[in-house]
Amino acid sequence: MSREVTHEATGPVRLDESDIDDEYGDVAVCMCGLSDERPFCDGSHRAAEDEEDGAVYKYEDGERREIEEIVFADE
């Protein structure tokens, strides 16, 4: 499975001690690309648990749709 993720990051985010979660005692960084709190995990990855191998998905406004192909414009 794969997912097409669009975001508007413009540079690195520096993490420090204030980013440690008081409840869990760690910092969870989003690796799925779906979090609304990037770079931090907000649990959005749960929506991707049943993705099928070989499929490509796009998530928008909390909804998942399967896409046929990602086409990149020539630069």
PDB file of N, CA and C in Angstrom:
ATOM      1  N   MET A   1       0.832  -1.173   0.000  1.00  0.00           N
ATOM      2  CA  MET A   1       0.000   0.000   0.000  1.00  0.00           C
ATOM      3  C   MET A   1       0.872   1.230   0.000  1.00  0.00           C
ATOM      4  N   SER A   2       0.332   2.299  -0.483  1.00  0.00           N
ATOM      5  CA  SER A   2       1.018   3.576  -0.427  1.00  0.00           C
ATOM      6  C   SER A   2      -0.036   4.657  -0.327  1.00  0.00           C
ATOM      7  N   ARG A   3       0.402   5.848   0.051  1.00  0.00           N
ATOM      8  CA  ARG A   3      -0.552   6.942   0.122  1.00  0.00           C
ATOM      9  C   ARG A   3       0.079   8.212  -0.417  1.00  0.00           C
ATOM     10  N   GLU A   4      -0.747   8.983  -1.066  1.00  0.00           N
ATOM     11  CA  GLU A   4      -0.330  10.278  -1.576  1.00  0.00           C
ATOM     12  C   GLU A   4      -0.672  11.282  -0.480  1.00  0.00           C
ATOM     13  N   VAL A   5       0.349  11.981   0.026  1.00  0.00           N
ATOM     14  CA  VAL A   5       0.162  12.910   1.134  1.00  0.00           C
ATOM     15  C   VAL A   5       0.574  14.298   0.680  1.00  0.00           C
ATOM     16  N   THR A   6      -0.284  15.271   0.905  1.00  0.00           N
ATOM     17  CA  THR A   6       0.006  16.649   0.562  1.00  0.00           C
ATOM     18  C   THR A   6       0.108  17.450   1.848  1.00  0.00           C
ATOM     19  N   HIS A   7       1.183  18.170   2.007  1.00  0.00           N
ATOM     20  CA  HIS A   7       1.312  19.061   3.150  1.00  0.00           C
ATOM     21  C   HIS A   7       2.147  20.264   2.734  1.00  0.00           C
ATOM     22  N   GLU A   8       2.186  21.250   3.588  1.00  0.00           N
ATOM     23  CA  GLU A   8       2.853  22.489   3.226  1.00  0.00           C
ATOM     24  C   GLU A   8       4.035  22.776   4.143  1.00  0.00           C
ATOM     25  N   ALA A   9       4.803  21.777   4.473  1.00  0.00           N
ATOM     26  CA  ALA A   9       5.981  21.969   5.314  1.00  0.00           C
ATOM     27  C   ALA A   9       6.980  22.849   4.570  1.00  0.00           C
ATOM     28  N   THR A  10       7.610  23.737   5.304  1.00  0.00           N
ATOM     29  CA  THR A  10       8.575  24.624   4.679  1.00  0.00           C
ATOM     30  C   THR A  10       9.972  24.478   5.261  1.00  0.00           C
ATOM     31  N   GLY A  11      10.131  23.590   6.195  1.00  0.00           N
ATOM     32  CA  GLY A  11      11.454  23.408   6.785  1.00  0.00           C
ATOM     33  C   GLY A  11      11.392  22.459   7.961  1.00  0.00           C
ATOM     34  N   PRO A  12      12.507  22.253   8.597  1.00  0.00           N
ATOM     35  CA  PRO A  12      12.554  21.315   9.716  1.00  0.00           C
ATOM     36  C   PRO A  12      11.844  21.874  10.945  1.00  0.00           C
ATOM     37  N   VAL A  13      11.376  20.977  11.784  1.00  0.00           N
ATOM     38  CA  VAL A  13      10.792  21.343  13.068  1.00  0.00           C
ATOM     39  C   VAL A  13      11.724  20.825  14.141  1.00  0.00           C
ATOM     40  N   ARG A  14      12.166  21.695  15.001  1.00  0.00           N
ATOM     41  CA  ARG A  14      13.058  21.286  16.082  1.00  0.00           C
ATOM     42  C   ARG A  14      12.226  20.847  17.280  1.00  0.00           C
ATOM     43  N   LEU A  15      12.586  19.700  17.823  1.00  0.00           N
ATOM     44  CA  LEU A  15      11.902  19.167  18.992  1.00  0.00           C
ATOM     45  C   LEU A  15      12.776  19.385  20.221  1.00  0.00           C
ATOM     46  N   ASP A  16      12.125  19.649  21.360  1.00  0.00           N
ATOM     47  CA  ASP A  16      12.869  19.769  22.604  1.00  0.00           C
ATOM     48  C   ASP A  16      12.063  19.146  23.744  1.00  0.00           C
ATOM     49  N   GLU A  17      12.500  19.347  24.978  1.00  0.00           N
ATOM     50  CA  GLU A  17      11.868  18.704  26.122  1.00  0.00           C
ATOM     51  C   GLU A  17      10.392  19.057  26.262  1.00  0.00           C
ATOM     52  N   SER A  18       9.980  20.224  25.803  1.00  0.00           N
ATOM     53  CA  SER A  18       8.577  20.629  25.931  1.00  0.00           C
ATOM     54  C   SER A  18       7.649  19.802  25.034  1.00  0.00           C
ATOM     55  N   ASP A  19       8.214  19.069  24.091  1.00  0.00           N
ATOM     56  CA  ASP A  19       7.416  18.246  23.190  1.00  0.00           C
ATOM     57  C   ASP A  19       7.119  16.859  23.760  1.00  0.00           C
ATOM     58  N   ILE A  20       7.673  16.527  24.899  1.00  0.00           N
ATOM     59  CA  ILE A  20       7.435  15.212  25.509  1.00  0.00           C
ATOM     60  C   ILE A  20       6.003  15.142  26.014  1.00  0.00           C
ATOM     61  N   ASP A  21       5.302  14.093  25.629  1.00  0.00           N
ATOM     62  CA  ASP A  21       3.922  13.876  26.039  1.00  0.00           C
ATOM     63  C   ASP A  21       3.875  13.572  27.534  1.00  0.00           C
ATOM     64  N   ASP A  22       3.112  14.348  28.283  1.00  0.00           N
ATOM     65  CA  ASP A  22       3.041  14.176  29.731  1.00  0.00           C
ATOM     66  C   ASP A  22       2.490  12.807  30.126  1.00  0.00           C
ATOM     67  N   GLU A  23       1.538  12.300  29.350  1.00  0.00           N
ATOM     68  CA  GLU A  23       0.908  11.016  29.682  1.00  0.00           C
ATOM     69  C   GLU A  23       1.813   9.830  29.368  1.00  0.00           C
ATOM     70  N   TYR A  24       2.471   9.849  28.203  1.00  0.00           N
ATOM     71  CA  TYR A  24       3.255   8.693  27.763  1.00  0.00           C
ATOM     72  C   TYR A  24       4.751   8.829  28.014  1.00  0.00           C
ATOM     73  N   GLY A  25       5.233  10.036  28.228  1.00  0.00           N
ATOM     74  CA  GLY A  25       6.646  10.246  28.505  1.00  0.00           C
ATOM     75  C   GLY A  25       7.540  10.115  27.285  1.00  0.00           C
ATOM     76  N   ASP A  26       6.970  10.278  26.099  1.00  0.00           N
ATOM     77  CA  ASP A  26       7.768  10.194  24.879  1.00  0.00           C
ATOM     78  C   ASP A  26       7.274  11.209  23.859  1.00  0.00           C
ATOM     79  N   VAL A  27       7.916  11.222  22.713  1.00  0.00           N
ATOM     80  CA  VAL A  27       7.503  12.061  21.595  1.00  0.00           C
ATOM     81  C   VAL A  27       7.145  11.121  20.454  1.00  0.00           C
ATOM     82  N   ALA A  28       5.912  11.204  19.973  1.00  0.00           N
ATOM     83  CA  ALA A  28       5.481  10.373  18.851  1.00  0.00           C
ATOM     84  C   ALA A  28       5.450  11.238  17.595  1.00  0.00           C
ATOM     85  N   VAL A  29       6.314  10.899  16.641  1.00  0.00           N
ATOM     86  CA  VAL A  29       6.410  11.643  15.393  1.00  0.00           C
ATOM     87  C   VAL A  29       5.598  10.915  14.328  1.00  0.00           C
ATOM     88  N   CYS A  30       4.799  11.666  13.582  1.00  0.00           N
ATOM     89  CA  CYS A  30       3.952  11.089  12.534  1.00  0.00           C
ATOM     90  C   CYS A  30       4.813  10.510  11.413  1.00  0.00           C
ATOM     91  N   MET A  31       4.557   9.258  11.076  1.00  0.00           N
ATOM     92  CA  MET A  31       5.252   8.616   9.962  1.00  0.00           C
ATOM     93  C   MET A  31       4.294   8.288   8.814  1.00  0.00           C
ATOM     94  N   CYS A  32       2.978   8.416   9.051  1.00  0.00           N
ATOM     95  CA  CYS A  32       2.010   8.060   8.010  1.00  0.00           C
ATOM     96  C   CYS A  32       1.656   9.246   7.115  1.00  0.00           C
ATOM     97  N   GLY A  33       1.891  10.463   7.598  1.00  0.00           N
ATOM     98  CA  GLY A  33       1.561  11.649   6.812  1.00  0.00           C
ATOM     99  C   GLY A  33       0.142  12.133   6.966  1.00  0.00           C
ATOM    100  N   LEU A  34      -0.644  11.520   7.833  1.00  0.00           N
ATOM    101  CA  LEU A  34      -2.056  11.867   7.954  1.00  0.00           C
ATOM    102  C   LEU A  34      -2.380  12.777   9.128  1.00  0.00           C
ATOM    103  N   SER A  35      -1.460  12.968  10.049  1.00  0.00           N
ATOM    104  CA  SER A  35      -1.739  13.726  11.269  1.00  0.00           C
ATOM    105  C   SER A  35      -2.055  15.182  10.973  1.00  0.00           C
ATOM    106  N   ASP A  36      -3.042  15.724  11.681  1.00  0.00           N
ATOM    107  CA  ASP A  36      -3.336  17.154  11.605  1.00  0.00           C
ATOM    108  C   ASP A  36      -2.412  17.948  12.517  1.00  0.00           C
ATOM    109  N   GLU A  37      -1.594  17.253  13.296  1.00  0.00           N
ATOM    110  CA  GLU A  37      -0.686  17.904  14.246  1.00  0.00           C
ATOM    111  C   GLU A  37       0.773  17.657  13.877  1.00  0.00           C
ATOM    112  N   ARG A  38       1.066  17.448  12.582  1.00  0.00           N
ATOM    113  CA  ARG A  38       2.439  17.192  12.167  1.00  0.00           C
ATOM    114  C   ARG A  38       3.379  18.225  12.738  1.00  0.00           C
ATOM    115  N   PRO A  39       4.511  17.846  13.179  1.00  0.00           N
ATOM    116  CA  PRO A  39       5.152  16.557  12.955  1.00  0.00           C
ATOM    117  C   PRO A  39       4.756  15.485  13.971  1.00  0.00           C
ATOM    118  N   PHE A  40       3.781  15.794  14.829  1.00  0.00           N
ATOM    119  CA  PHE A  40       3.415  14.859  15.889  1.00  0.00           C
ATOM    120  C   PHE A  40       2.286  13.934  15.461  1.00  0.00           C
ATOM    121  N   CYS A  41       2.303  12.737  15.995  1.00  0.00           N
ATOM    122  CA  CYS A  41       1.247  11.753  15.751  1.00  0.00           C
ATOM    123  C   CYS A  41       0.006  12.157  16.525  1.00  0.00           C
ATOM    124  N   ASP A  42      -1.152  12.080  15.868  1.00  0.00           N
ATOM    125  CA  ASP A  42      -2.419  12.320  16.554  1.00  0.00           C
ATOM    126  C   ASP A  42      -3.337  11.098  16.480  1.00  0.00           C
ATOM    127  N   GLY A  43      -2.786   9.957  16.061  1.00  0.00           N
ATOM    128  CA  GLY A  43      -3.576   8.729  15.973  1.00  0.00           C
ATOM    129  C   GLY A  43      -4.272   8.539  14.633  1.00  0.00           C
ATOM    130  N   SER A  44      -4.072   9.462  13.701  1.00  0.00           N
ATOM    131  CA  SER A  44      -4.738   9.362  12.397  1.00  0.00           C
ATOM    132  C   SER A  44      -4.352   8.100  11.635  1.00  0.00           C
ATOM    133  N   HIS A  45      -3.210   7.502  11.952  1.00  0.00           N
ATOM    134  CA  HIS A  45      -2.761   6.292  11.263  1.00  0.00           C
ATOM    135  C   HIS A  45      -3.745   5.134  11.418  1.00  0.00           C
ATOM    136  N   ARG A  46      -4.593   5.203  12.408  1.00  0.00           N
ATOM    137  CA  ARG A  46      -5.587   4.135  12.598  1.00  0.00           C
ATOM    138  C   ARG A  46      -6.509   4.004  11.381  1.00  0.00           C
ATOM    139  N   ALA A  47      -6.723   5.115  10.671  1.00  0.00           N
ATOM    140  CA  ALA A  47      -7.574   5.092   9.474  1.00  0.00           C
ATOM    141  C   ALA A  47      -6.940   4.275   8.361  1.00  0.00           C
ATOM    142  N   ALA A  48      -5.626   4.037   8.442  1.00  0.00           N
ATOM    143  CA  ALA A  48      -4.902   3.343   7.386  1.00  0.00           C
ATOM    144  C   ALA A  48      -4.649   1.864   7.702  1.00  0.00           C
ATOM    145  N   GLU A  49      -5.159   1.379   8.822  1.00  0.00           N
ATOM    146  CA  GLU A  49      -4.849   0.019   9.258  1.00  0.00           C
ATOM    147  C   GLU A  49      -5.279  -1.061   8.273  1.00  0.00           C
ATOM    148  N   ASP A  50      -6.349  -0.838   7.538  1.00  0.00           N
ATOM    149  CA  ASP A  50      -6.835  -1.883   6.631  1.00  0.00           C
ATOM    150  C   ASP A  50      -6.539  -1.590   5.158  1.00  0.00           C
ATOM    151  N   GLU A  51      -5.526  -0.779   4.889  1.00  0.00           N
ATOM    152  CA  GLU A  51      -5.122  -0.543   3.508  1.00  0.00           C
ATOM    153  C   GLU A  51      -4.632  -1.849   2.888  1.00  0.00           C
ATOM    154  N   GLU A  52      -4.916  -2.038   1.621  1.00  0.00           N
ATOM    155  CA  GLU A  52      -4.516  -3.261   0.929  1.00  0.00           C
ATOM    156  C   GLU A  52      -3.175  -3.076   0.228  1.00  0.00           C
ATOM    157  N   ASP A  53      -2.378  -4.136   0.204  1.00  0.00           N
ATOM    158  CA  ASP A  53      -1.112  -4.116  -0.517  1.00  0.00           C
ATOM    159  C   ASP A  53      -1.364  -3.826  -1.993  1.00  0.00           C
ATOM    160  N   GLY A  54      -0.526  -2.998  -2.583  1.00  0.00           N
ATOM    161  CA  GLY A  54      -0.629  -2.691  -4.001  1.00  0.00           C
ATOM    162  C   GLY A  54      -1.580  -1.551  -4.323  1.00  0.00           C
ATOM    163  N   ALA A  55      -2.353  -1.095  -3.348  1.00  0.00           N
ATOM    164  CA  ALA A  55      -3.294   0.002  -3.581  1.00  0.00           C
ATOM    165  C   ALA A  55      -2.633   1.328  -3.215  1.00  0.00           C
ATOM    166  N   VAL A  56      -3.119   2.404  -3.840  1.00  0.00           N
ATOM    167  CA  VAL A  56      -2.649   3.755  -3.528  1.00  0.00           C
ATOM    168  C   VAL A  56      -3.868   4.539  -3.036  1.00  0.00           C
ATOM    169  N   TYR A  57      -3.702   5.228  -1.918  1.00  0.00           N
ATOM    170  CA  TYR A  57      -4.814   5.933  -1.304  1.00  0.00           C
ATOM    171  C   TYR A  57      -4.527   7.414  -1.159  1.00  0.00           C
ATOM    172  N   LYS A  58      -5.599   8.197  -1.150  1.00  0.00           N
ATOM    173  CA  LYS A  58      -5.551   9.623  -0.858  1.00  0.00           C
ATOM    174  C   LYS A  58      -6.563   9.866   0.250  1.00  0.00           C
ATOM    175  N   TYR A  59      -6.140  10.555   1.298  1.00  0.00           N
ATOM    176  CA  TYR A  59      -7.020  10.901   2.404  1.00  0.00           C
ATOM    177  C   TYR A  59      -7.264  12.398   2.371  1.00  0.00           C
ATOM    178  N   GLU A  60      -8.538  12.781   2.323  1.00  0.00           N
ATOM    179  CA  GLU A  60      -8.901  14.194   2.352  1.00  0.00           C
ATOM    180  C   GLU A  60     -10.108  14.375   3.248  1.00  0.00           C
ATOM    181  N   ASP A  61     -10.011  15.356   4.143  1.00  0.00           N
ATOM    182  CA  ASP A  61     -11.112  15.666   5.053  1.00  0.00           C
ATOM    183  C   ASP A  61     -11.614  14.432   5.793  1.00  0.00           C
ATOM    184  N   GLY A  62     -10.682  13.579   6.209  1.00  0.00           N
ATOM    185  CA  GLY A  62     -11.035  12.397   6.984  1.00  0.00           C
ATOM    186  C   GLY A  62     -11.581  11.241   6.177  1.00  0.00           C
ATOM    187  N   GLU A  63     -11.630  11.380   4.857  1.00  0.00           N
ATOM    188  CA  GLU A  63     -12.149  10.301   4.023  1.00  0.00           C
ATOM    189  C   GLU A  63     -11.039   9.716   3.161  1.00  0.00           C
ATOM    190  N   ARG A  64     -11.103   8.409   2.978  1.00  0.00           N
ATOM    191  CA  ARG A  64     -10.106   7.716   2.159  1.00  0.00           C
ATOM    192  C   ARG A  64     -10.723   7.354   0.816  1.00  0.00           C
ATOM    193  N   ARG A  65      -9.926   7.548  -0.222  1.00  0.00           N
ATOM    194  CA  ARG A  65     -10.353   7.060  -1.535  1.00  0.00           C
ATOM    195  C   ARG A  65      -9.154   6.414  -2.210  1.00  0.00           C
ATOM    196  N   GLU A  66      -9.416   5.392  -2.960  1.00  0.00           N
ATOM    197  CA  GLU A  66      -8.359   4.708  -3.698  1.00  0.00           C
ATOM    198  C   GLU A  66      -8.158   5.441  -5.011  1.00  0.00           C
ATOM    199  N   ILE A  67      -6.903   5.669  -5.374  1.00  0.00           N
ATOM    200  CA  ILE A  67      -6.625   6.347  -6.629  1.00  0.00           C
ATOM    201  C   ILE A  67      -5.912   5.383  -7.570  1.00  0.00           C
ATOM    202  N   GLU A  68      -6.158   5.558  -8.839  1.00  0.00           N
ATOM    203  CA  GLU A  68      -5.622   4.656  -9.848  1.00  0.00           C
ATOM    204  C   GLU A  68      -4.146   4.896 -10.113  1.00  0.00           C
ATOM    205  N   GLU A  69      -3.744   6.177 -10.142  1.00  0.00           N
ATOM    206  CA  GLU A  69      -2.396   6.488 -10.561  1.00  0.00           C
ATOM    207  C   GLU A  69      -2.021   7.895 -10.103  1.00  0.00           C
ATOM    208  N   ILE A  70      -0.777   8.075  -9.744  1.00  0.00           N
ATOM    209  CA  ILE A  70      -0.269   9.417  -9.452  1.00  0.00           C
ATOM    210  C   ILE A  70       0.549   9.843 -10.669  1.00  0.00           C
ATOM    211  N   VAL A  71       0.161  10.976 -11.247  1.00  0.00           N
ATOM    212  CA  VAL A  71       0.842  11.488 -12.432  1.00  0.00           C
ATOM    213  C   VAL A  71       1.550  12.775 -12.054  1.00  0.00           C
ATOM    214  N   PHE A  72       2.847  12.823 -12.315  1.00  0.00           N
ATOM    215  CA  PHE A  72       3.644  13.998 -12.008  1.00  0.00           C
ATOM    216  C   PHE A  72       3.776  14.856 -13.250  1.00  0.00           C
ATOM    217  N   ALA A  73       3.612  16.153 -13.090  1.00  0.00           N
ATOM    218  CA  ALA A  73       3.753  17.085 -14.212  1.00  0.00           C
ATOM    219  C   ALA A  73       5.226  17.207 -14.548  1.00  0.00           C
ATOM    220  N   ASP A  74       5.514  17.381 -15.836  1.00  0.00           N
ATOM    221  CA  ASP A  74       6.899  17.622 -16.248  1.00  0.00           C
ATOM    222  C   ASP A  74       7.327  18.988 -15.767  1.00  0.00           C
ATOM    223  N   GLU A  75       8.572  19.063 -15.327  1.00  0.00           N
ATOM    224  CA  GLU A  75       9.053  20.353 -14.825  1.00  0.00           C
ATOM    225  C   GLU A  75       9.848  21.068 -15.884  1.00  0.00           C
TER     226      GLU A  75
END
